[in-house]
Amino acid sequence: CSIGYRSSLVGKMLMEAGYQHVHNLEGGIFAWVNRGLPVYRHGRPTQQIHPYSPVWGFWLLRGDKTYGKAQKKAPQ
């Protein structure tokens, strides 16, 4: 989840369904990347982050914003 909202809802549903070991990345992937923490894709470090849309991408301060299945780089 980009900012952690949807994943927190899913986490709550999982806990209500009886799952006990549920964790949510507070602030989502954006907060993680903005703190300079590593991100991996297929086991390798990457700077490519999918910000969902250009509107949400406003909150991503680091990394290479990519959109779509082909992981195209966002226009500058």
N, C-alpha and C. Protein backbone atom coordinates (compact mmCIF):
# COMPACT_ATOMS: atom_id res chain seq x y z
N CYS A 1 0.84 -1.18 0.00
CA CYS A 1 0.00 0.00 0.00
C CYS A 1 0.89 1.24 0.00
N SER A 2 0.54 2.20 -0.79
CA SER A 2 1.35 3.41 -0.94
C SER A 2 1.55 4.17 0.37
N ILE A 3 0.45 4.43 1.07
CA ILE A 3 0.56 5.22 2.30
C ILE A 3 0.11 4.46 3.55
N GLY A 4 -0.32 3.24 3.40
CA GLY A 4 -0.65 2.39 4.54
C GLY A 4 -2.12 2.32 4.90
N TYR A 5 -2.97 3.07 4.21
CA TYR A 5 -4.39 3.08 4.56
C TYR A 5 -5.08 1.76 4.20
N ARG A 6 -4.97 1.36 2.93
CA ARG A 6 -5.62 0.12 2.50
C ARG A 6 -5.06 -1.09 3.22
N SER A 7 -3.75 -1.11 3.41
CA SER A 7 -3.15 -2.26 4.08
C SER A 7 -3.59 -2.34 5.55
N SER A 8 -3.86 -1.19 6.18
CA SER A 8 -4.35 -1.23 7.56
C SER A 8 -5.76 -1.81 7.61
N LEU A 9 -6.58 -1.50 6.59
CA LEU A 9 -7.93 -2.08 6.54
C LEU A 9 -7.87 -3.59 6.34
N VAL A 10 -7.00 -4.03 5.44
CA VAL A 10 -6.85 -5.46 5.19
C VAL A 10 -6.30 -6.15 6.44
N GLY A 11 -5.35 -5.52 7.11
CA GLY A 11 -4.80 -6.09 8.35
C GLY A 11 -5.88 -6.26 9.40
N LYS A 12 -6.74 -5.28 9.53
CA LYS A 12 -7.84 -5.36 10.50
C LYS A 12 -8.77 -6.52 10.15
N MET A 13 -9.09 -6.67 8.86
CA MET A 13 -9.95 -7.78 8.43
C MET A 13 -9.30 -9.13 8.73
N LEU A 14 -7.99 -9.22 8.49
CA LEU A 14 -7.29 -10.47 8.76
C LEU A 14 -7.31 -10.81 10.25
N MET A 15 -7.10 -9.81 11.10
CA MET A 15 -7.14 -10.05 12.55
C MET A 15 -8.55 -10.46 12.99
N GLU A 16 -9.56 -9.82 12.41
CA GLU A 16 -10.94 -10.19 12.73
C GLU A 16 -11.26 -11.60 12.27
N ALA A 17 -10.55 -12.07 11.24
CA ALA A 17 -10.75 -13.43 10.72
C ALA A 17 -9.96 -14.46 11.52
N GLY A 18 -9.21 -14.00 12.51
CA GLY A 18 -8.50 -14.94 13.38
C GLY A 18 -7.00 -15.01 13.21
N TYR A 19 -6.46 -14.30 12.22
CA TYR A 19 -5.01 -14.30 12.05
C TYR A 19 -4.37 -13.49 13.18
N GLN A 20 -3.26 -13.99 13.72
CA GLN A 20 -2.65 -13.36 14.88
C GLN A 20 -1.36 -12.61 14.55
N HIS A 21 -0.66 -13.01 13.55
CA HIS A 21 0.63 -12.40 13.22
C HIS A 21 0.48 -11.49 12.01
N VAL A 22 -0.23 -10.39 12.22
CA VAL A 22 -0.50 -9.43 11.15
C VAL A 22 0.27 -8.15 11.45
N HIS A 23 0.98 -7.66 10.46
CA HIS A 23 1.76 -6.43 10.63
C HIS A 23 1.46 -5.49 9.48
N ASN A 24 1.48 -4.21 9.76
CA ASN A 24 1.27 -3.20 8.73
C ASN A 24 2.43 -2.22 8.77
N LEU A 25 2.93 -1.89 7.62
CA LEU A 25 4.02 -0.92 7.51
C LEU A 25 3.42 0.48 7.63
N GLU A 26 3.56 1.07 8.82
CA GLU A 26 2.97 2.38 9.07
C GLU A 26 3.52 3.41 8.09
N GLY A 27 2.62 4.11 7.44
CA GLY A 27 3.03 5.10 6.44
C GLY A 27 3.21 4.50 5.06
N GLY A 28 3.12 3.18 4.95
CA GLY A 28 3.21 2.50 3.67
C GLY A 28 4.61 2.55 3.05
N ILE A 29 4.66 2.13 1.81
CA ILE A 29 5.94 2.07 1.09
C ILE A 29 6.52 3.47 0.89
N PHE A 30 5.67 4.49 0.79
CA PHE A 30 6.18 5.85 0.62
C PHE A 30 7.04 6.27 1.81
N ALA A 31 6.54 6.04 3.02
CA ALA A 31 7.29 6.41 4.22
C ALA A 31 8.61 5.64 4.28
N TRP A 32 8.56 4.37 3.92
CA TRP A 32 9.76 3.53 3.92
C TRP A 32 10.82 4.11 2.98
N VAL A 33 10.41 4.37 1.75
CA VAL A 33 11.34 4.89 0.74
C VAL A 33 11.80 6.31 1.10
N ASN A 34 10.90 7.14 1.58
CA ASN A 34 11.26 8.51 1.95
C ASN A 34 12.28 8.55 3.09
N ARG A 35 12.32 7.50 3.91
CA ARG A 35 13.33 7.40 4.98
C ARG A 35 14.67 6.88 4.46
N GLY A 36 14.71 6.53 3.19
CA GLY A 36 15.95 6.03 2.60
C GLY A 36 16.20 4.56 2.85
N LEU A 37 15.16 3.82 3.22
CA LEU A 37 15.30 2.39 3.50
C LEU A 37 15.23 1.59 2.20
N PRO A 38 15.86 0.43 2.16
CA PRO A 38 15.98 -0.32 0.90
C PRO A 38 14.67 -0.97 0.44
N VAL A 39 14.52 -1.05 -0.87
CA VAL A 39 13.39 -1.73 -1.50
C VAL A 39 13.97 -2.72 -2.49
N TYR A 40 13.33 -3.89 -2.57
CA TYR A 40 13.82 -4.95 -3.45
C TYR A 40 12.72 -5.38 -4.41
N ARG A 41 13.14 -5.75 -5.60
CA ARG A 41 12.24 -6.31 -6.61
C ARG A 41 12.92 -7.53 -7.19
N HIS A 42 12.26 -8.66 -7.13
CA HIS A 42 12.82 -9.93 -7.59
C HIS A 42 14.17 -10.21 -6.91
N GLY A 43 14.26 -9.87 -5.63
CA GLY A 43 15.46 -10.16 -4.85
C GLY A 43 16.62 -9.21 -5.05
N ARG A 44 16.41 -8.16 -5.83
CA ARG A 44 17.49 -7.21 -6.09
C ARG A 44 17.06 -5.80 -5.68
N PRO A 45 18.00 -5.00 -5.21
CA PRO A 45 17.66 -3.62 -4.84
C PRO A 45 17.11 -2.85 -6.04
N THR A 46 16.15 -2.00 -5.78
CA THR A 46 15.56 -1.18 -6.84
C THR A 46 15.24 0.21 -6.30
N GLN A 47 15.20 1.15 -7.19
CA GLN A 47 14.75 2.49 -6.86
C GLN A 47 13.37 2.75 -7.46
N GLN A 48 12.85 1.77 -8.22
CA GLN A 48 11.55 1.93 -8.87
C GLN A 48 10.42 1.71 -7.86
N ILE A 49 9.56 2.71 -7.74
CA ILE A 49 8.43 2.64 -6.83
C ILE A 49 7.16 2.99 -7.62
N HIS A 50 6.14 2.19 -7.46
CA HIS A 50 4.87 2.46 -8.14
C HIS A 50 4.00 3.30 -7.20
N PRO A 51 3.82 4.58 -7.51
CA PRO A 51 3.06 5.46 -6.61
C PRO A 51 1.56 5.48 -6.84
N TYR A 52 1.04 4.50 -7.55
CA TYR A 52 -0.39 4.35 -7.82
C TYR A 52 -0.86 5.32 -8.89
N SER A 53 -0.66 6.62 -8.68
CA SER A 53 -1.04 7.61 -9.68
C SER A 53 -0.19 8.87 -9.47
N PRO A 54 -0.13 9.76 -10.44
CA PRO A 54 0.63 11.00 -10.25
C PRO A 54 0.13 11.82 -9.06
N VAL A 55 -1.17 11.74 -8.77
CA VAL A 55 -1.70 12.49 -7.62
C VAL A 55 -1.09 11.96 -6.33
N TRP A 56 -1.07 10.64 -6.17
CA TRP A 56 -0.48 10.04 -4.96
C TRP A 56 1.04 10.14 -5.00
N GLY A 57 1.62 10.13 -6.19
CA GLY A 57 3.06 10.21 -6.32
C GLY A 57 3.65 11.48 -5.74
N PHE A 58 2.83 12.48 -5.53
CA PHE A 58 3.27 13.73 -4.89
C PHE A 58 3.94 13.45 -3.55
N TRP A 59 3.47 12.42 -2.84
CA TRP A 59 3.98 12.11 -1.49
C TRP A 59 5.27 11.29 -1.51
N LEU A 60 5.66 10.79 -2.66
CA LEU A 60 6.89 10.00 -2.78
C LEU A 60 8.04 10.95 -3.09
N LEU A 61 8.91 11.14 -2.13
CA LEU A 61 9.98 12.13 -2.25
C LEU A 61 11.29 11.55 -2.78
N ARG A 62 11.44 10.23 -2.70
CA ARG A 62 12.65 9.56 -3.18
C ARG A 62 12.26 8.45 -4.14
N GLY A 63 13.26 7.88 -4.77
CA GLY A 63 13.01 6.76 -5.68
C GLY A 63 12.57 7.23 -7.05
N ASP A 64 12.51 6.29 -7.97
CA ASP A 64 12.06 6.55 -9.34
C ASP A 64 10.60 6.15 -9.44
N LYS A 65 9.72 7.11 -9.67
CA LYS A 65 8.30 6.83 -9.81
C LYS A 65 8.05 6.10 -11.12
N THR A 66 7.40 4.98 -11.04
CA THR A 66 7.11 4.18 -12.22
C THR A 66 5.62 3.85 -12.24
N TYR A 67 5.07 3.79 -13.43
CA TYR A 67 3.64 3.51 -13.58
C TYR A 67 3.44 2.41 -14.61
N GLY A 68 2.44 1.60 -14.42
CA GLY A 68 2.06 0.59 -15.40
C GLY A 68 2.84 -0.70 -15.31
N LYS A 69 2.37 -1.68 -16.05
CA LYS A 69 2.96 -3.01 -16.03
C LYS A 69 4.40 -3.01 -16.52
N ALA A 70 4.71 -2.16 -17.47
CA ALA A 70 6.06 -2.13 -18.03
C ALA A 70 7.03 -1.37 -17.12
N GLN A 71 6.52 -0.82 -16.01
CA GLN A 71 7.34 -0.06 -15.08
C GLN A 71 8.06 1.08 -15.78
N LYS A 72 7.30 1.84 -16.55
CA LYS A 72 7.86 3.00 -17.23
C LYS A 72 8.16 4.10 -16.23
N LYS A 73 9.22 4.80 -16.46
CA LYS A 73 9.59 5.90 -15.58
C LYS A 73 8.62 7.05 -15.77
N ALA A 74 8.28 7.70 -14.67
CA ALA A 74 7.33 8.81 -14.71
C ALA A 74 7.94 10.00 -15.44
N PRO A 75 7.10 10.76 -16.15
CA PRO A 75 7.62 11.96 -16.82
C PRO A 75 8.11 12.97 -15.78
N GLN A 76 9.15 13.70 -16.14
CA GLN A 76 9.73 14.67 -15.21
C GLN A 76 9.06 16.00 -15.33
